[in-house]
Amino acid sequence: MCSILFYIMTRSLKKGPYVDEKLLKKISGKKPADVGVIQTWARASQISPEMVGFKFGVHNGRKHIEVLVSEDMVGHRLGEFSPTKTFHRHGGKMQKELEQKKKETEIAAAKAAKAAADNK
């Protein structure tokens, strides 16, 4: 619980925002169109206004996920836009029944479209 609180707490104003120096070095004096995707492992780095327009490949623990930085993202962290966990589905009998009904409706719709195409 204690480690979660430290992550949620804001950074001191006298320290300023944490922006990875290597990232700033990679984008300094360059245009977004010229650079391409900049791969990074610095998920804790905050997005600064200089980063707007650049594409970052943010590592999620398994692969790099492309993130195109926009003006709305300034102040957020890079890791917020690269999810680390994938949701597969909820299990259970009801979920299986719902999926089966969905499949049946798709098959019925495909048959109806095929029959309509054959009649024309």
C-alpha atoms as a PDB file:
ATOM      1  CA  MET A   1       0.000   0.000   0.000  1.00  0.00           C
ATOM      2  CA  CYS A   2       2.786   2.375   0.877  1.00  0.00           C
ATOM      3  CA  SER A   3       4.516   2.009  -2.492  1.00  0.00           C
ATOM      4  CA  ILE A   4       1.261   2.900  -4.260  1.00  0.00           C
ATOM      5  CA  LEU A   5       1.010   6.143  -2.300  1.00  0.00           C
ATOM      6  CA  PHE A   6       4.453   7.248  -3.371  1.00  0.00           C
ATOM      7  CA  TYR A   7       3.585   6.659  -7.010  1.00  0.00           C
ATOM      8  CA  ILE A   8       0.385   8.702  -6.773  1.00  0.00           C
ATOM      9  CA  MET A   9       1.988  11.629  -4.927  1.00  0.00           C
ATOM     10  CA  THR A  10       2.961  14.564  -7.108  1.00  0.00           C
ATOM     11  CA  ARG A  11       6.516  15.664  -7.607  1.00  0.00           C
ATOM     12  CA  SER A  12       7.774  18.674  -5.659  1.00  0.00           C
ATOM     13  CA  LEU A  13       7.294  21.975  -7.469  1.00  0.00           C
ATOM     14  CA  LYS A  14      10.828  23.120  -6.661  1.00  0.00           C
ATOM     15  CA  LYS A  15      12.225  20.017  -8.408  1.00  0.00           C
ATOM     16  CA  GLY A  16      10.120  20.483 -11.535  1.00  0.00           C
ATOM     17  CA  PRO A  17       8.746  17.753 -13.785  1.00  0.00           C
ATOM     18  CA  TYR A  18      10.807  14.625 -14.459  1.00  0.00           C
ATOM     19  CA  VAL A  19      11.706  14.426 -18.127  1.00  0.00           C
ATOM     20  CA  ASP A  20      14.322  11.891 -19.185  1.00  0.00           C
ATOM     21  CA  GLU A  21      17.421  13.722 -20.404  1.00  0.00           C
ATOM     22  CA  LYS A  22      18.125  11.104 -23.082  1.00  0.00           C
ATOM     23  CA  LEU A  23      14.710  11.720 -24.637  1.00  0.00           C
ATOM     24  CA  LEU A  24      15.262  15.470 -24.728  1.00  0.00           C
ATOM     25  CA  LYS A  25      18.669  14.888 -26.297  1.00  0.00           C
ATOM     26  CA  LYS A  26      17.140  12.667 -29.004  1.00  0.00           C
ATOM     27  CA  ILE A  27      14.530  15.267 -30.014  1.00  0.00           C
ATOM     28  CA  SER A  28      16.546  18.465 -29.562  1.00  0.00           C
ATOM     29  CA  GLY A  29      16.852  20.452 -32.797  1.00  0.00           C
ATOM     30  CA  LYS A  30      14.982  17.865 -34.871  1.00  0.00           C
ATOM     31  CA  LYS A  31      11.630  17.838 -36.614  1.00  0.00           C
ATOM     32  CA  PRO A  32       9.042  15.113 -35.913  1.00  0.00           C
ATOM     33  CA  ALA A  33       8.866  14.076 -39.586  1.00  0.00           C
ATOM     34  CA  ASP A  34      12.628  13.496 -39.810  1.00  0.00           C
ATOM     35  CA  VAL A  35      13.125  11.343 -36.722  1.00  0.00           C
ATOM     36  CA  GLY A  36      10.584   8.521 -37.024  1.00  0.00           C
ATOM     37  CA  VAL A  37       9.839   6.404 -33.949  1.00  0.00           C
ATOM     38  CA  ILE A  38      12.014   7.025 -30.884  1.00  0.00           C
ATOM     39  CA  GLN A  39      12.216   3.895 -28.747  1.00  0.00           C
ATOM     40  CA  THR A  40      12.300   4.415 -24.995  1.00  0.00           C
ATOM     41  CA  TRP A  41      12.044   2.526 -21.741  1.00  0.00           C
ATOM     42  CA  ALA A  42      11.451   5.736 -19.729  1.00  0.00           C
ATOM     43  CA  ARG A  43       7.797   5.186 -18.855  1.00  0.00           C
ATOM     44  CA  ALA A  44       8.024   7.544 -15.855  1.00  0.00           C
ATOM     45  CA  SER A  45       9.117  10.485 -17.996  1.00  0.00           C
ATOM     46  CA  GLN A  46       6.602  13.307 -18.251  1.00  0.00           C
ATOM     47  CA  ILE A  47       5.590  14.613 -21.645  1.00  0.00           C
ATOM     48  CA  SER A  48       6.858  18.136 -22.231  1.00  0.00           C
ATOM     49  CA  PRO A  49       5.654  20.626 -24.872  1.00  0.00           C
ATOM     50  CA  GLU A  50       8.826  20.010 -26.917  1.00  0.00           C
ATOM     51  CA  MET A  51       7.724  16.391 -27.484  1.00  0.00           C
ATOM     52  CA  VAL A  52       4.458  17.278 -29.271  1.00  0.00           C
ATOM     53  CA  GLY A  53       4.311  15.712 -32.727  1.00  0.00           C
ATOM     54  CA  PHE A  54       6.985  13.074 -32.110  1.00  0.00           C
ATOM     55  CA  LYS A  55       6.305   9.324 -32.139  1.00  0.00           C
ATOM     56  CA  PHE A  56       7.672   7.361 -29.205  1.00  0.00           C
ATOM     57  CA  GLY A  57       7.924   3.591 -28.943  1.00  0.00           C
ATOM     58  CA  VAL A  58       7.160   3.142 -25.235  1.00  0.00           C
ATOM     59  CA  HIS A  59       8.150  -0.235 -23.823  1.00  0.00           C
ATOM     60  CA  ASN A  60       5.399  -2.086 -21.961  1.00  0.00           C
ATOM     61  CA  GLY A  61       7.569  -4.934 -20.680  1.00  0.00           C
ATOM     62  CA  ARG A  62       7.207  -7.070 -23.797  1.00  0.00           C
ATOM     63  CA  LYS A  63       7.292  -4.789 -26.825  1.00  0.00           C
ATOM     64  CA  HIS A  64       7.352  -1.144 -27.831  1.00  0.00           C
ATOM     65  CA  ILE A  65       3.952   0.468 -28.399  1.00  0.00           C
ATOM     66  CA  GLU A  66       3.863   3.518 -30.682  1.00  0.00           C
ATOM     67  CA  VAL A  67       2.550   6.686 -29.069  1.00  0.00           C
ATOM     68  CA  LEU A  68       2.005   9.848 -31.121  1.00  0.00           C
ATOM     69  CA  VAL A  69       2.273  12.758 -28.681  1.00  0.00           C
ATOM     70  CA  SER A  70      -0.423  15.435 -28.970  1.00  0.00           C
ATOM     71  CA  GLU A  71      -0.984  18.667 -27.058  1.00  0.00           C
ATOM     72  CA  ASP A  72      -3.548  17.019 -24.775  1.00  0.00           C
ATOM     73  CA  MET A  73      -0.885  14.630 -23.448  1.00  0.00           C
ATOM     74  CA  VAL A  74       1.447  17.331 -22.073  1.00  0.00           C
ATOM     75  CA  GLY A  75       1.937  16.803 -18.333  1.00  0.00           C
ATOM     76  CA  HIS A  76       1.059  13.105 -18.420  1.00  0.00           C
ATOM     77  CA  ARG A  77       3.611  10.307 -18.288  1.00  0.00           C
ATOM     78  CA  LEU A  78       4.631   8.191 -21.282  1.00  0.00           C
ATOM     79  CA  GLY A  79       3.711   4.977 -19.469  1.00  0.00           C
ATOM     80  CA  GLU A  80       0.052   6.007 -19.272  1.00  0.00           C
ATOM     81  CA  PHE A  81      -0.324   5.491 -23.014  1.00  0.00           C
ATOM     82  CA  SER A  82       1.366   2.078 -23.160  1.00  0.00           C
ATOM     83  CA  PRO A  83      -0.723  -0.444 -21.184  1.00  0.00           C
ATOM     84  CA  THR A  84       1.197  -3.294 -19.579  1.00  0.00           C
ATOM     85  CA  LYS A  85      -1.699  -5.695 -19.103  1.00  0.00           C
ATOM     86  CA  THR A  86      -3.970  -7.152 -21.763  1.00  0.00           C
ATOM     87  CA  PHE A  87      -7.618  -7.915 -21.110  1.00  0.00           C
ATOM     88  CA  HIS A  88      -8.724 -11.174 -22.686  1.00  0.00           C
ATOM     89  CA  ARG A  89     -12.287 -11.655 -21.479  1.00  0.00           C
ATOM     90  CA  HIS A  90     -14.334 -12.498 -18.447  1.00  0.00           C
ATOM     91  CA  GLY A  91     -15.107 -16.149 -18.100  1.00  0.00           C
ATOM     92  CA  GLY A  92     -18.179 -17.995 -16.991  1.00  0.00           C
ATOM     93  CA  LYS A  93     -21.251 -19.629 -18.430  1.00  0.00           C
ATOM     94  CA  MET A  94     -23.103 -16.380 -19.213  1.00  0.00           C
ATOM     95  CA  GLN A  95     -20.172 -14.984 -21.194  1.00  0.00           C
ATOM     96  CA  LYS A  96     -19.943 -18.145 -23.296  1.00  0.00           C
ATOM     97  CA  GLU A  97     -23.672 -18.000 -24.031  1.00  0.00           C
ATOM     98  CA  LEU A  98     -23.419 -14.366 -25.106  1.00  0.00           C
ATOM     99  CA  GLU A  99     -20.497 -15.148 -27.408  1.00  0.00           C
ATOM    100  CA  GLN A 100     -22.400 -18.090 -28.927  1.00  0.00           C
ATOM    101  CA  LYS A 101     -25.448 -15.883 -29.647  1.00  0.00           C
ATOM    102  CA  LYS A 102     -23.201 -13.266 -31.228  1.00  0.00           C
ATOM    103  CA  LYS A 103     -21.633 -15.897 -33.500  1.00  0.00           C
ATOM    104  CA  GLU A 104     -25.041 -17.199 -34.532  1.00  0.00           C
ATOM    105  CA  THR A 105     -26.290 -13.711 -35.452  1.00  0.00           C
ATOM    106  CA  GLU A 106     -23.138 -13.082 -37.498  1.00  0.00           C
ATOM    107  CA  ILE A 107     -23.601 -16.357 -39.374  1.00  0.00           C
ATOM    108  CA  ALA A 108     -27.281 -15.583 -40.005  1.00  0.00           C
ATOM    109  CA  ALA A 109     -26.401 -12.104 -41.291  1.00  0.00           C
ATOM    110  CA  ALA A 110     -23.722 -13.541 -43.595  1.00  0.00           C
ATOM    111  CA  LYS A 111     -26.190 -16.113 -44.991  1.00  0.00           C
ATOM    112  CA  ALA A 112     -28.796 -13.409 -45.570  1.00  0.00           C
ATOM    113  CA  ALA A 113     -26.276 -11.227 -47.396  1.00  0.00           C
ATOM    114  CA  LYS A 114     -25.179 -14.175 -49.539  1.00  0.00           C
ATOM    115  CA  ALA A 115     -28.810 -15.041 -50.387  1.00  0.00           C
ATOM    116  CA  ALA A 116     -29.501 -11.412 -51.314  1.00  0.00           C
ATOM    117  CA  ALA A 117     -26.435 -11.363 -53.554  1.00  0.00           C
ATOM    118  CA  ASP A 118     -27.495 -14.637 -55.254  1.00  0.00           C
ATOM    119  CA  ASN A 119     -31.018 -13.283 -55.968  1.00  0.00           C
ATOM    120  CA  LYS A 120     -29.711 -10.231 -57.809  1.00  0.00           C
END
